[in-house]
């Protein structure tokens, strides 16, 4: 009987899979399946929520074949007809190393978030987000969306949007729009600072 043990051990090793299936970070009961996204990027797809997981090394190899184009902040009213997926508001863990998925804001109207593992660099894209990034020409610059420079720009944009909404609430839409238009004109006028100084003097009298 002793001689049978190594044979039985080999048989068991062949039957039991060595690797666990990759699970969706938003629907942990769902296994991801291999897929090729538009543009030829290989990813793991969730059949339940239609999200996509992209390994960092696969993305890096794909990106090296793409034209480099850094993203720029979008206009406040930019609208591409995209509605963020319900799962976009749900936090997730990396399906590979279980690290937290950091979020980077994409300032569309409404905004959505691209997520990346802070440990291994893998990227999670909720339903439709890859296609939006392609339309913006940002599909090859996802790493840049997580730099401090980009994050700072997004914070400034978000603050400006909150300030704009507060101005409309306090002054009403018509007067607020006049203020916005005047601000734009003064900002682009060579002597716009005189206009600003005049307004400040009037309010300080």
N, C-alpha and C. Protein backbone atom coordinates (compact mmCIF):
# COMPACT_ATOMS: atom_id res chain seq x y z
N UNK A 1 0.83 -1.21 0.00
CA UNK A 1 0.00 0.00 0.00
C UNK A 1 0.85 1.25 0.00
N UNK A 2 2.01 1.17 0.66
CA UNK A 2 2.86 2.36 0.71
C UNK A 2 3.23 2.83 -0.68
N UNK A 3 3.45 1.91 -1.61
CA UNK A 3 3.89 2.29 -2.95
C UNK A 3 2.79 2.96 -3.75
N UNK A 4 1.53 2.81 -3.32
CA UNK A 4 0.42 3.42 -4.04
C UNK A 4 0.28 4.91 -3.75
N UNK A 5 0.81 5.38 -2.66
CA UNK A 5 0.57 6.76 -2.25
C UNK A 5 1.08 7.80 -3.24
N UNK A 6 2.28 7.68 -3.74
CA UNK A 6 2.74 8.68 -4.71
C UNK A 6 1.86 8.73 -5.96
N UNK A 7 1.35 7.57 -6.40
CA UNK A 7 0.49 7.53 -7.59
C UNK A 7 -0.81 8.27 -7.31
N UNK A 8 -1.42 7.99 -6.15
CA UNK A 8 -2.67 8.68 -5.79
C UNK A 8 -2.44 10.17 -5.66
N UNK A 9 -1.32 10.57 -5.13
CA UNK A 9 -1.00 12.00 -4.96
C UNK A 9 -0.92 12.69 -6.31
N UNK A 10 -0.30 12.05 -7.30
CA UNK A 10 -0.19 12.62 -8.64
C UNK A 10 -1.56 12.77 -9.27
N UNK A 11 -2.43 11.77 -9.09
CA UNK A 11 -3.77 11.83 -9.66
C UNK A 11 -4.55 13.00 -9.06
N UNK A 12 -4.46 13.19 -7.74
CA UNK A 12 -5.17 14.29 -7.08
C UNK A 12 -4.68 15.62 -7.59
N UNK A 13 -3.38 15.75 -7.77
CA UNK A 13 -2.81 17.01 -8.24
C UNK A 13 -3.31 17.36 -9.64
N UNK A 14 -3.59 16.39 -10.44
CA UNK A 14 -4.07 16.64 -11.79
C UNK A 14 -5.54 17.06 -11.80
N UNK A 15 -6.29 16.57 -10.81
CA UNK A 15 -7.72 16.84 -10.79
C UNK A 15 -8.02 18.19 -10.14
N UNK A 16 -7.33 18.52 -9.04
CA UNK A 16 -7.61 19.75 -8.30
C UNK A 16 -6.87 20.91 -8.96
N UNK A 17 -7.54 21.98 -9.34
CA UNK A 17 -6.88 23.12 -9.97
C UNK A 17 -5.93 23.81 -9.01
N UNK A 18 -4.83 24.29 -9.50
CA UNK A 18 -3.83 24.94 -8.67
C UNK A 18 -4.16 26.40 -8.43
N UNK A 19 -4.92 27.02 -9.29
CA UNK A 19 -5.20 28.44 -9.18
C UNK A 19 -6.69 28.67 -8.98
N UNK A 20 -7.02 29.64 -8.11
CA UNK A 20 -8.40 30.02 -7.91
C UNK A 20 -8.84 30.95 -9.04
N UNK A 21 -10.11 30.90 -9.43
CA UNK A 21 -10.57 31.82 -10.47
C UNK A 21 -10.50 33.27 -10.00
N UNK A 22 -10.28 34.19 -10.94
CA UNK A 22 -10.24 35.61 -10.61
C UNK A 22 -11.67 36.10 -10.41
N UNK A 23 -11.93 36.72 -9.26
CA UNK A 23 -13.27 37.16 -8.91
C UNK A 23 -13.45 38.65 -9.22
N UNK A 24 -14.66 39.03 -9.54
CA UNK A 24 -15.00 40.43 -9.80
C UNK A 24 -14.86 41.24 -8.51
N UNK A 25 -14.19 42.40 -8.54
CA UNK A 25 -14.04 43.21 -7.33
C UNK A 25 -15.35 43.86 -6.88
N UNK A 26 -16.34 43.93 -7.75
CA UNK A 26 -17.62 44.54 -7.38
C UNK A 26 -18.70 43.49 -7.10
N UNK A 27 -18.57 42.31 -7.68
CA UNK A 27 -19.49 41.20 -7.44
C UNK A 27 -18.65 39.98 -7.13
N UNK A 28 -18.33 39.80 -5.85
CA UNK A 28 -17.31 38.82 -5.44
C UNK A 28 -17.71 37.37 -5.69
N UNK A 29 -18.97 37.13 -6.01
CA UNK A 29 -19.42 35.77 -6.32
C UNK A 29 -19.24 35.44 -7.80
N UNK A 30 -18.87 36.42 -8.60
CA UNK A 30 -18.78 36.23 -10.05
C UNK A 30 -17.33 36.06 -10.49
N UNK A 31 -17.07 35.01 -11.29
CA UNK A 31 -15.74 34.79 -11.84
C UNK A 31 -15.56 35.58 -13.13
N UNK A 32 -14.36 36.10 -13.35
CA UNK A 32 -14.06 36.86 -14.55
C UNK A 32 -13.67 35.92 -15.69
N UNK A 33 -13.98 36.32 -16.90
CA UNK A 33 -13.63 35.54 -18.09
C UNK A 33 -12.77 36.38 -19.01
N UNK A 34 -11.94 35.72 -19.78
CA UNK A 34 -11.05 36.42 -20.70
C UNK A 34 -11.83 37.08 -21.83
N UNK A 35 -11.38 38.28 -22.21
CA UNK A 35 -12.04 39.02 -23.28
C UNK A 35 -11.01 39.94 -23.92
N UNK A 36 -11.28 40.38 -25.13
CA UNK A 36 -10.43 41.37 -25.80
C UNK A 36 -11.29 42.61 -26.02
N UNK A 37 -10.89 43.73 -25.39
CA UNK A 37 -11.64 44.97 -25.51
C UNK A 37 -11.38 45.61 -26.86
N UNK A 38 -12.24 46.54 -27.25
CA UNK A 38 -12.02 47.28 -28.48
C UNK A 38 -10.68 47.98 -28.42
N UNK A 39 -9.93 47.92 -29.51
CA UNK A 39 -8.57 48.43 -29.51
C UNK A 39 -7.53 47.35 -29.32
N UNK A 40 -8.01 46.11 -29.04
CA UNK A 40 -7.09 44.98 -28.94
C UNK A 40 -6.48 44.76 -27.57
N UNK A 41 -7.06 45.36 -26.53
CA UNK A 41 -6.52 45.19 -25.17
C UNK A 41 -7.14 43.96 -24.52
N UNK A 42 -6.29 43.03 -24.07
CA UNK A 42 -6.75 41.83 -23.38
C UNK A 42 -7.13 42.16 -21.94
N UNK A 43 -8.28 41.65 -21.50
CA UNK A 43 -8.77 41.94 -20.16
C UNK A 43 -9.54 40.75 -19.61
N UNK A 44 -9.99 40.87 -18.36
CA UNK A 44 -10.88 39.90 -17.72
C UNK A 44 -12.22 40.58 -17.51
N UNK A 45 -13.27 39.96 -17.99
CA UNK A 45 -14.60 40.57 -18.03
C UNK A 45 -15.56 39.92 -17.04
N UNK A 46 -16.39 40.75 -16.38
CA UNK A 46 -17.40 40.23 -15.47
C UNK A 46 -18.73 40.13 -16.22
N UNK A 47 -19.26 38.93 -16.42
CA UNK A 47 -20.53 38.78 -17.13
C UNK A 47 -21.71 39.39 -16.39
N UNK A 48 -21.57 39.58 -15.07
CA UNK A 48 -22.69 40.09 -14.27
C UNK A 48 -22.80 41.61 -14.35
N UNK A 49 -21.70 42.32 -14.14
CA UNK A 49 -21.76 43.79 -14.10
C UNK A 49 -21.15 44.45 -15.33
N UNK A 50 -20.56 43.65 -16.24
CA UNK A 50 -19.94 44.16 -17.48
C UNK A 50 -18.72 45.02 -17.22
N UNK A 51 -18.12 44.90 -16.02
CA UNK A 51 -16.86 45.59 -15.76
C UNK A 51 -15.68 44.80 -16.32
N UNK A 52 -14.51 45.44 -16.38
CA UNK A 52 -13.32 44.80 -16.95
C UNK A 52 -12.10 45.04 -16.07
N UNK A 53 -11.35 43.95 -15.83
CA UNK A 53 -10.11 44.02 -15.06
C UNK A 53 -8.94 43.88 -16.02
N UNK A 54 -8.00 44.84 -15.95
CA UNK A 54 -6.84 44.85 -16.85
C UNK A 54 -5.57 44.71 -16.03
N UNK A 55 -4.81 43.66 -16.29
CA UNK A 55 -3.54 43.45 -15.58
C UNK A 55 -2.54 44.54 -15.97
N UNK A 56 -1.72 44.96 -14.99
CA UNK A 56 -0.81 46.08 -15.21
C UNK A 56 0.22 45.80 -16.30
N UNK A 57 0.77 44.57 -16.33
CA UNK A 57 1.79 44.26 -17.33
C UNK A 57 1.17 44.17 -18.73
N UNK A 58 -0.04 43.65 -18.82
CA UNK A 58 -0.72 43.57 -20.11
C UNK A 58 -1.03 44.98 -20.63
N UNK A 59 -1.49 45.84 -19.72
CA UNK A 59 -1.79 47.22 -20.13
C UNK A 59 -0.53 47.95 -20.56
N UNK A 60 0.57 47.76 -19.82
CA UNK A 60 1.83 48.43 -20.17
C UNK A 60 2.32 48.01 -21.56
N UNK A 61 2.22 46.71 -21.86
CA UNK A 61 2.64 46.23 -23.17
C UNK A 61 1.74 46.80 -24.27
N UNK A 62 0.44 46.85 -24.02
CA UNK A 62 -0.51 47.41 -25.00
C UNK A 62 -0.26 48.90 -25.20
N UNK A 63 -0.06 49.61 -24.11
CA UNK A 63 0.14 51.06 -24.17
C UNK A 63 1.39 51.44 -24.94
N UNK A 64 2.43 50.60 -24.85
CA UNK A 64 3.69 50.90 -25.55
C UNK A 64 3.51 50.93 -27.06
N UNK A 65 2.41 50.34 -27.54
CA UNK A 65 2.14 50.32 -28.98
C UNK A 65 1.19 51.45 -29.41
N UNK A 66 0.75 52.29 -28.44
CA UNK A 66 -0.22 53.32 -28.73
C UNK A 66 0.44 54.69 -28.81
N UNK A 67 -0.23 55.60 -29.49
CA UNK A 67 0.26 56.98 -29.56
C UNK A 67 0.06 57.65 -28.20
N UNK A 68 1.10 58.33 -27.72
CA UNK A 68 1.03 58.96 -26.40
C UNK A 68 0.22 60.25 -26.48
N UNK A 69 -0.79 60.36 -25.62
CA UNK A 69 -1.64 61.55 -25.57
C UNK A 69 -2.09 61.76 -24.14
N UNK A 70 -1.54 62.80 -23.48
CA UNK A 70 -1.87 63.05 -22.09
C UNK A 70 -3.24 63.72 -21.99
N UNK A 71 -4.03 63.35 -20.99
CA UNK A 71 -5.37 63.95 -20.84
C UNK A 71 -5.28 65.38 -20.34
N UNK A 72 -6.30 66.16 -20.64
CA UNK A 72 -6.44 67.52 -20.13
C UNK A 72 -7.81 67.61 -19.46
N UNK A 73 -7.94 68.48 -18.44
CA UNK A 73 -9.25 68.60 -17.78
C UNK A 73 -10.34 68.96 -18.77
N UNK A 74 -11.52 68.40 -18.57
CA UNK A 74 -12.64 68.62 -19.46
C UNK A 74 -13.41 69.87 -19.05
N UNK A 75 -14.13 70.48 -19.99
CA UNK A 75 -15.02 71.60 -19.62
C UNK A 75 -16.03 71.15 -18.57
N UNK A 76 -16.49 72.11 -17.77
CA UNK A 76 -17.38 71.78 -16.66
C UNK A 76 -18.67 71.11 -17.14
N UNK A 77 -19.12 71.48 -18.35
CA UNK A 77 -20.39 70.95 -18.83
C UNK A 77 -20.20 69.82 -19.84
N UNK A 78 -19.00 69.23 -19.88
CA UNK A 78 -18.74 68.16 -20.84
C UNK A 78 -19.68 66.99 -20.60
N UNK A 79 -20.39 66.58 -21.64
CA UNK A 79 -21.36 65.49 -21.53
C UNK A 79 -21.26 64.62 -22.78
N UNK A 80 -20.88 63.35 -22.58
CA UNK A 80 -20.74 62.42 -23.70
C UNK A 80 -21.88 61.41 -23.73
N UNK A 81 -22.95 61.73 -23.00
CA UNK A 81 -24.10 60.84 -22.99
C UNK A 81 -23.86 59.56 -22.22
N UNK A 82 -22.86 59.56 -21.33
CA UNK A 82 -22.54 58.37 -20.55
C UNK A 82 -23.14 58.47 -19.16
N UNK A 83 -23.83 57.44 -18.73
CA UNK A 83 -24.36 57.36 -17.37
C UNK A 83 -23.51 56.37 -16.58
N UNK A 84 -22.86 56.81 -15.50
CA UNK A 84 -22.03 55.89 -14.72
C UNK A 84 -22.80 54.66 -14.27
N UNK A 85 -22.11 53.53 -14.27
CA UNK A 85 -22.72 52.28 -13.82
C UNK A 85 -23.02 52.34 -12.33
N UNK A 86 -24.05 51.65 -11.87
CA UNK A 86 -24.36 51.63 -10.42
C UNK A 86 -23.17 51.18 -9.58
N UNK A 87 -22.35 50.29 -10.14
CA UNK A 87 -21.20 49.75 -9.39
C UNK A 87 -20.09 50.79 -9.21
N UNK A 88 -20.16 51.91 -9.95
CA UNK A 88 -19.10 52.91 -9.87
C UNK A 88 -18.96 53.49 -8.47
N UNK A 89 -20.07 53.55 -7.74
CA UNK A 89 -20.04 54.11 -6.39
C UNK A 89 -19.63 53.09 -5.34
N UNK A 90 -19.41 51.84 -5.76
CA UNK A 90 -19.10 50.76 -4.82
C UNK A 90 -17.60 50.55 -4.73
N UNK A 91 -17.06 50.53 -3.51
CA UNK A 91 -15.62 50.30 -3.33
C UNK A 91 -15.30 48.84 -3.64
N UNK A 92 -14.05 48.61 -4.07
CA UNK A 92 -13.65 47.26 -4.42
C UNK A 92 -12.22 46.96 -4.01
N UNK A 93 -11.90 45.67 -3.94
CA UNK A 93 -10.55 45.22 -3.66
C UNK A 93 -9.98 44.56 -4.91
N UNK A 94 -8.67 44.65 -5.06
CA UNK A 94 -7.99 44.06 -6.21
C UNK A 94 -8.26 42.55 -6.27
N UNK A 95 -8.69 42.04 -7.40
CA UNK A 95 -8.94 40.59 -7.51
C UNK A 95 -7.67 39.75 -7.47
N UNK A 96 -6.50 40.39 -7.62
CA UNK A 96 -5.24 39.66 -7.60
C UNK A 96 -4.60 39.65 -6.21
N UNK A 97 -4.31 40.86 -5.69
CA UNK A 97 -3.56 40.94 -4.43
C UNK A 97 -4.38 41.46 -3.26
N UNK A 98 -5.66 41.74 -3.50
CA UNK A 98 -6.59 42.20 -2.47
C UNK A 98 -6.25 43.58 -1.92
N UNK A 99 -5.43 44.34 -2.65
CA UNK A 99 -5.16 45.73 -2.26
C UNK A 99 -6.36 46.62 -2.57
N UNK A 100 -6.41 47.78 -1.92
CA UNK A 100 -7.51 48.70 -2.16
C UNK A 100 -7.39 49.30 -3.56
N UNK A 101 -8.53 49.50 -4.19
CA UNK A 101 -8.57 50.13 -5.50
C UNK A 101 -8.71 51.64 -5.32
N UNK A 102 -7.63 52.37 -5.67
CA UNK A 102 -7.68 53.83 -5.60
C UNK A 102 -8.56 54.35 -6.73
N UNK A 103 -9.17 55.52 -6.53
CA UNK A 103 -10.13 56.05 -7.49
C UNK A 103 -9.62 57.36 -8.07
N UNK A 104 -9.80 57.53 -9.39
CA UNK A 104 -9.44 58.77 -10.05
C UNK A 104 -10.67 59.33 -10.77
N UNK A 105 -11.00 60.56 -10.49
CA UNK A 105 -12.22 61.18 -10.99
C UNK A 105 -12.06 61.61 -12.45
N UNK A 106 -13.04 61.26 -13.28
CA UNK A 106 -13.13 61.73 -14.66
C UNK A 106 -14.26 62.75 -14.71
N UNK A 107 -13.90 64.02 -14.95
CA UNK A 107 -14.83 65.11 -14.78
C UNK A 107 -15.84 65.32 -15.88
N UNK A 108 -16.55 64.28 -16.25
CA UNK A 108 -17.67 64.45 -17.17
C UNK A 108 -18.89 64.93 -16.39
N UNK A 109 -19.98 65.15 -17.09
CA UNK A 109 -21.23 65.50 -16.45
C UNK A 109 -22.26 64.42 -16.78
N UNK A 110 -22.51 63.47 -15.84
CA UNK A 110 -21.93 63.36 -14.50
C UNK A 110 -20.55 62.70 -14.51
N UNK A 111 -19.81 62.92 -13.41
CA UNK A 111 -18.46 62.36 -13.30
C UNK A 111 -18.52 60.86 -13.00
N UNK A 112 -17.41 60.17 -13.33
CA UNK A 112 -17.26 58.78 -12.91
C UNK A 112 -15.82 58.56 -12.48
N UNK A 113 -15.53 57.34 -12.00
CA UNK A 113 -14.21 57.07 -11.42
C UNK A 113 -13.58 55.83 -12.05
N UNK A 114 -12.32 55.97 -12.46
CA UNK A 114 -11.51 54.84 -12.87
C UNK A 114 -10.76 54.36 -11.64
N UNK A 115 -10.57 53.05 -11.49
CA UNK A 115 -9.96 52.51 -10.28
C UNK A 115 -8.70 51.70 -10.61
N UNK A 116 -7.71 51.82 -9.74
CA UNK A 116 -6.44 51.11 -9.95
C UNK A 116 -5.92 50.58 -8.62
N UNK A 117 -5.35 49.38 -8.64
CA UNK A 117 -4.80 48.79 -7.43
C UNK A 117 -3.54 49.54 -7.00
N UNK A 118 -3.49 49.93 -5.73
CA UNK A 118 -2.34 50.67 -5.22
C UNK A 118 -1.11 49.79 -5.04
N UNK A 119 -1.29 48.46 -5.13
CA UNK A 119 -0.16 47.54 -4.97
C UNK A 119 0.38 47.06 -6.32
N UNK A 120 -0.47 46.40 -7.11
CA UNK A 120 0.01 45.76 -8.34
C UNK A 120 -0.23 46.60 -9.59
N UNK A 121 -1.02 47.64 -9.49
CA UNK A 121 -1.22 48.53 -10.64
C UNK A 121 -2.29 48.08 -11.62
N UNK A 122 -2.99 46.98 -11.33
CA UNK A 122 -4.08 46.57 -12.20
C UNK A 122 -5.20 47.60 -12.21
N UNK A 123 -5.95 47.66 -13.29
CA UNK A 123 -6.98 48.69 -13.47
C UNK A 123 -8.36 48.04 -13.58
N UNK A 124 -9.32 48.60 -12.85
CA UNK A 124 -10.71 48.17 -12.96
C UNK A 124 -11.53 49.25 -13.66
N UNK A 125 -12.31 48.84 -14.66
CA UNK A 125 -13.15 49.75 -15.43
C UNK A 125 -14.59 49.24 -15.36
N UNK A 126 -15.47 50.06 -14.78
CA UNK A 126 -16.87 49.68 -14.74
C UNK A 126 -17.47 49.74 -16.15
N UNK A 127 -18.67 49.26 -16.26
CA UNK A 127 -19.35 49.16 -17.56
C UNK A 127 -19.31 50.48 -18.33
N UNK A 128 -18.80 50.41 -19.57
CA UNK A 128 -18.80 51.56 -20.46
C UNK A 128 -17.64 52.51 -20.29
N UNK A 129 -16.85 52.38 -19.22
CA UNK A 129 -15.79 53.35 -18.96
C UNK A 129 -14.65 53.25 -19.98
N UNK A 130 -14.31 52.04 -20.40
CA UNK A 130 -13.26 51.87 -21.40
C UNK A 130 -13.62 52.60 -22.69
N UNK A 131 -14.88 52.46 -23.11
CA UNK A 131 -15.32 53.09 -24.34
C UNK A 131 -15.27 54.62 -24.24
N UNK A 132 -15.61 55.16 -23.08
CA UNK A 132 -15.54 56.62 -22.88
C UNK A 132 -14.09 57.09 -22.94
N UNK A 133 -13.19 56.36 -22.28
CA UNK A 133 -11.77 56.72 -22.33
C UNK A 133 -11.24 56.69 -23.76
N UNK A 134 -11.72 55.74 -24.54
CA UNK A 134 -11.31 55.69 -25.94
C UNK A 134 -11.81 56.90 -26.71
N UNK A 135 -13.06 57.29 -26.48
CA UNK A 135 -13.61 58.46 -27.16
C UNK A 135 -12.85 59.73 -26.80
N UNK A 136 -12.40 59.81 -25.55
CA UNK A 136 -11.64 60.98 -25.11
C UNK A 136 -10.19 60.92 -25.58
N UNK A 137 -9.74 59.75 -26.05
CA UNK A 137 -8.35 59.58 -26.42
C UNK A 137 -7.44 59.37 -25.23
N UNK A 138 -8.02 58.96 -24.09
CA UNK A 138 -7.26 58.78 -22.86
C UNK A 138 -6.98 57.31 -22.55
N UNK A 139 -7.36 56.41 -23.43
CA UNK A 139 -7.20 54.99 -23.15
C UNK A 139 -5.74 54.60 -22.96
N UNK A 140 -4.82 55.33 -23.57
CA UNK A 140 -3.40 55.03 -23.42
C UNK A 140 -2.73 55.83 -22.32
N UNK A 141 -3.50 56.54 -21.49
CA UNK A 141 -2.91 57.41 -20.47
C UNK A 141 -3.55 57.19 -19.10
N UNK A 142 -4.02 55.98 -18.84
CA UNK A 142 -4.69 55.72 -17.56
C UNK A 142 -3.75 55.97 -16.39
N UNK A 143 -2.48 55.60 -16.52
CA UNK A 143 -1.53 55.81 -15.42
C UNK A 143 -1.45 57.28 -15.03
N UNK A 144 -1.55 58.17 -16.03
CA UNK A 144 -1.46 59.61 -15.75
C UNK A 144 -2.62 60.09 -14.90
N UNK A 145 -3.76 59.42 -15.00
CA UNK A 145 -4.94 59.83 -14.23
C UNK A 145 -4.74 59.64 -12.73
N UNK A 146 -3.69 58.92 -12.34
CA UNK A 146 -3.44 58.68 -10.92
C UNK A 146 -2.21 59.45 -10.41
N UNK A 147 -1.68 60.37 -11.22
CA UNK A 147 -0.57 61.19 -10.77
C UNK A 147 -1.08 62.31 -9.87
N UNK A 148 -0.19 62.88 -9.06
CA UNK A 148 -0.57 63.96 -8.16
C UNK A 148 -1.01 65.20 -8.94
N UNK A 149 -0.35 65.46 -10.08
CA UNK A 149 -0.73 66.62 -10.89
C UNK A 149 -2.18 66.53 -11.34
N UNK A 150 -2.56 65.35 -11.86
CA UNK A 150 -3.94 65.18 -12.33
C UNK A 150 -4.93 65.26 -11.17
N UNK A 151 -4.60 64.60 -10.07
CA UNK A 151 -5.48 64.62 -8.91
C UNK A 151 -5.70 66.05 -8.41
N UNK A 152 -4.62 66.85 -8.43
CA UNK A 152 -4.73 68.24 -7.99
C UNK A 152 -5.63 69.04 -8.93
N UNK A 153 -5.50 68.81 -10.23
CA UNK A 153 -6.35 69.50 -11.19
C UNK A 153 -7.82 69.13 -10.99
N UNK A 154 -8.07 67.85 -10.70
CA UNK A 154 -9.44 67.42 -10.49
C UNK A 154 -10.03 68.01 -9.22
N UNK A 155 -9.21 68.17 -8.17
CA UNK A 155 -9.70 68.79 -6.94
C UNK A 155 -10.06 70.24 -7.18
N UNK A 156 -9.21 70.94 -7.95
CA UNK A 156 -9.49 72.33 -8.27
C UNK A 156 -10.77 72.45 -9.11
N UNK A 157 -10.94 71.55 -10.06
CA UNK A 157 -12.14 71.59 -10.88
C UNK A 157 -13.39 71.32 -10.05
N UNK A 158 -13.28 70.35 -9.14
CA UNK A 158 -14.43 70.02 -8.30
C UNK A 158 -14.78 71.19 -7.38
N UNK A 159 -13.76 71.89 -6.85
CA UNK A 159 -14.01 73.06 -6.01
C UNK A 159 -14.68 74.17 -6.82
N UNK A 160 -14.19 74.40 -8.04
CA UNK A 160 -14.77 75.44 -8.89
C UNK A 160 -16.23 75.13 -9.22
N UNK A 161 -16.53 73.85 -9.42
CA UNK A 161 -17.91 73.47 -9.72
C UNK A 161 -18.82 73.69 -8.51
N UNK A 162 -18.33 73.37 -7.33
CA UNK A 162 -19.13 73.61 -6.12
C UNK A 162 -19.36 75.11 -5.92
N UNK A 163 -18.33 75.90 -6.18
CA UNK A 163 -18.44 77.35 -6.06
C UNK A 163 -19.45 77.91 -7.07
N UNK A 164 -19.44 77.36 -8.27
CA UNK A 164 -20.38 77.79 -9.30
C UNK A 164 -21.82 77.47 -8.90
N UNK A 165 -22.04 76.27 -8.39
CA UNK A 165 -23.38 75.89 -7.97
C UNK A 165 -23.87 76.75 -6.81
N UNK A 166 -22.96 77.08 -5.88
CA UNK A 166 -23.33 77.93 -4.75
C UNK A 166 -23.69 79.34 -5.21
N UNK A 167 -22.95 79.86 -6.21
CA UNK A 167 -23.24 81.19 -6.74
C UNK A 167 -24.63 81.24 -7.38
N UNK A 168 -24.95 80.21 -8.14
CA UNK A 168 -26.28 80.13 -8.77
C UNK A 168 -27.37 80.06 -7.70
N UNK A 169 -27.11 79.30 -6.64
CA UNK A 169 -28.10 79.15 -5.57
C UNK A 169 -28.34 80.48 -4.86
N UNK A 170 -27.28 81.26 -4.63
CA UNK A 170 -27.40 82.51 -3.89
C UNK A 170 -27.94 83.66 -4.74
N UNK A 171 -27.55 83.73 -6.01
CA UNK A 171 -27.88 84.87 -6.86
C UNK A 171 -29.00 84.60 -7.85
N UNK A 172 -29.32 83.36 -8.06
CA UNK A 172 -30.27 83.01 -9.11
C UNK A 172 -29.51 82.76 -10.40
N UNK A 173 -30.10 81.98 -11.29
CA UNK A 173 -29.40 81.55 -12.50
C UNK A 173 -29.06 82.71 -13.43
N UNK A 174 -29.99 83.65 -13.62
CA UNK A 174 -29.76 84.75 -14.57
C UNK A 174 -28.61 85.65 -14.13
N UNK A 175 -28.65 86.15 -12.89
CA UNK A 175 -27.60 87.03 -12.41
C UNK A 175 -26.27 86.29 -12.31
N UNK A 176 -26.32 85.04 -11.86
CA UNK A 176 -25.08 84.26 -11.75
C UNK A 176 -24.43 84.11 -13.12
N UNK A 177 -25.23 83.87 -14.15
CA UNK A 177 -24.67 83.72 -15.50
C UNK A 177 -24.02 85.02 -15.96
N UNK A 178 -24.63 86.16 -15.61
CA UNK A 178 -24.01 87.45 -15.95
C UNK A 178 -22.66 87.60 -15.27
N UNK A 179 -22.58 87.17 -14.01
CA UNK A 179 -21.31 87.22 -13.29
C UNK A 179 -20.28 86.34 -13.96
N UNK A 180 -20.69 85.13 -14.35
CA UNK A 180 -19.76 84.20 -15.01
C UNK A 180 -19.26 84.79 -16.33
N UNK A 181 -20.18 85.37 -17.10
CA UNK A 181 -19.80 85.96 -18.39
C UNK A 181 -18.84 87.12 -18.20
N UNK A 182 -19.13 87.98 -17.22
CA UNK A 182 -18.26 89.13 -16.96
C UNK A 182 -16.88 88.67 -16.50
N UNK A 183 -16.85 87.66 -15.65
CA UNK A 183 -15.58 87.12 -15.18
C UNK A 183 -14.73 86.62 -16.34
N UNK A 184 -15.37 85.93 -17.28
CA UNK A 184 -14.67 85.41 -18.45
C UNK A 184 -14.11 86.54 -19.30
N UNK A 185 -14.91 87.59 -19.49
CA UNK A 185 -14.46 88.73 -20.31
C UNK A 185 -13.30 89.46 -19.65
N UNK A 186 -13.40 89.68 -18.33
CA UNK A 186 -12.32 90.38 -17.63
C UNK A 186 -11.04 89.55 -17.63
N UNK A 187 -11.17 88.23 -17.51
CA UNK A 187 -9.99 87.36 -17.48
C UNK A 187 -9.22 87.41 -18.78
N UNK A 188 -9.90 87.69 -19.90
CA UNK A 188 -9.25 87.70 -21.21
C UNK A 188 -8.98 89.11 -21.73
N UNK A 189 -9.37 90.13 -20.96
CA UNK A 189 -9.13 91.51 -21.38
C UNK A 189 -7.76 91.96 -20.87
N UNK A 190 -6.99 92.69 -21.70
CA UNK A 190 -5.65 93.12 -21.25
C UNK A 190 -5.68 94.02 -20.03
N UNK A 191 -6.79 94.74 -19.82
CA UNK A 191 -6.92 95.61 -18.65
C UNK A 191 -8.02 95.13 -17.71
N UNK A 192 -8.23 93.83 -17.72
CA UNK A 192 -9.30 93.26 -16.89
C UNK A 192 -9.12 93.52 -15.42
N UNK A 193 -7.87 93.70 -14.96
CA UNK A 193 -7.64 93.93 -13.54
C UNK A 193 -8.24 95.25 -13.07
N UNK A 194 -8.37 96.24 -14.00
CA UNK A 194 -9.00 97.50 -13.63
C UNK A 194 -10.48 97.28 -13.34
N UNK A 195 -11.12 96.42 -14.12
CA UNK A 195 -12.53 96.10 -13.87
C UNK A 195 -12.72 95.42 -12.54
N UNK A 196 -11.82 94.51 -12.20
CA UNK A 196 -11.90 93.81 -10.92
C UNK A 196 -11.71 94.79 -9.78
N UNK A 197 -10.73 95.70 -9.93
CA UNK A 197 -10.46 96.70 -8.89
C UNK A 197 -11.67 97.62 -8.70
N UNK A 198 -12.33 97.98 -9.80
CA UNK A 198 -13.52 98.84 -9.71
C UNK A 198 -14.63 98.16 -8.91
N UNK A 199 -14.88 96.89 -9.20
CA UNK A 199 -15.90 96.15 -8.48
C UNK A 199 -15.58 96.04 -6.99
N UNK A 200 -14.32 95.81 -6.68
CA UNK A 200 -13.93 95.67 -5.29
C UNK A 200 -14.10 97.00 -4.55
N UNK A 201 -13.76 98.13 -5.20
CA UNK A 201 -13.93 99.44 -4.56
C UNK A 201 -15.39 99.72 -4.27
N UNK A 202 -16.27 99.38 -5.23
CA UNK A 202 -17.69 99.64 -5.06
C UNK A 202 -18.25 98.86 -3.87
N UNK A 203 -17.78 97.65 -3.67
CA UNK A 203 -18.31 96.85 -2.59
C UNK A 203 -17.67 97.20 -1.24
N UNK A 204 -16.55 97.92 -1.27
CA UNK A 204 -15.89 98.29 -0.04
C UNK A 204 -16.33 99.66 0.44
N UNK A 205 -17.09 100.40 -0.38
CA UNK A 205 -17.53 101.75 0.01
C UNK A 205 -18.58 101.68 1.12
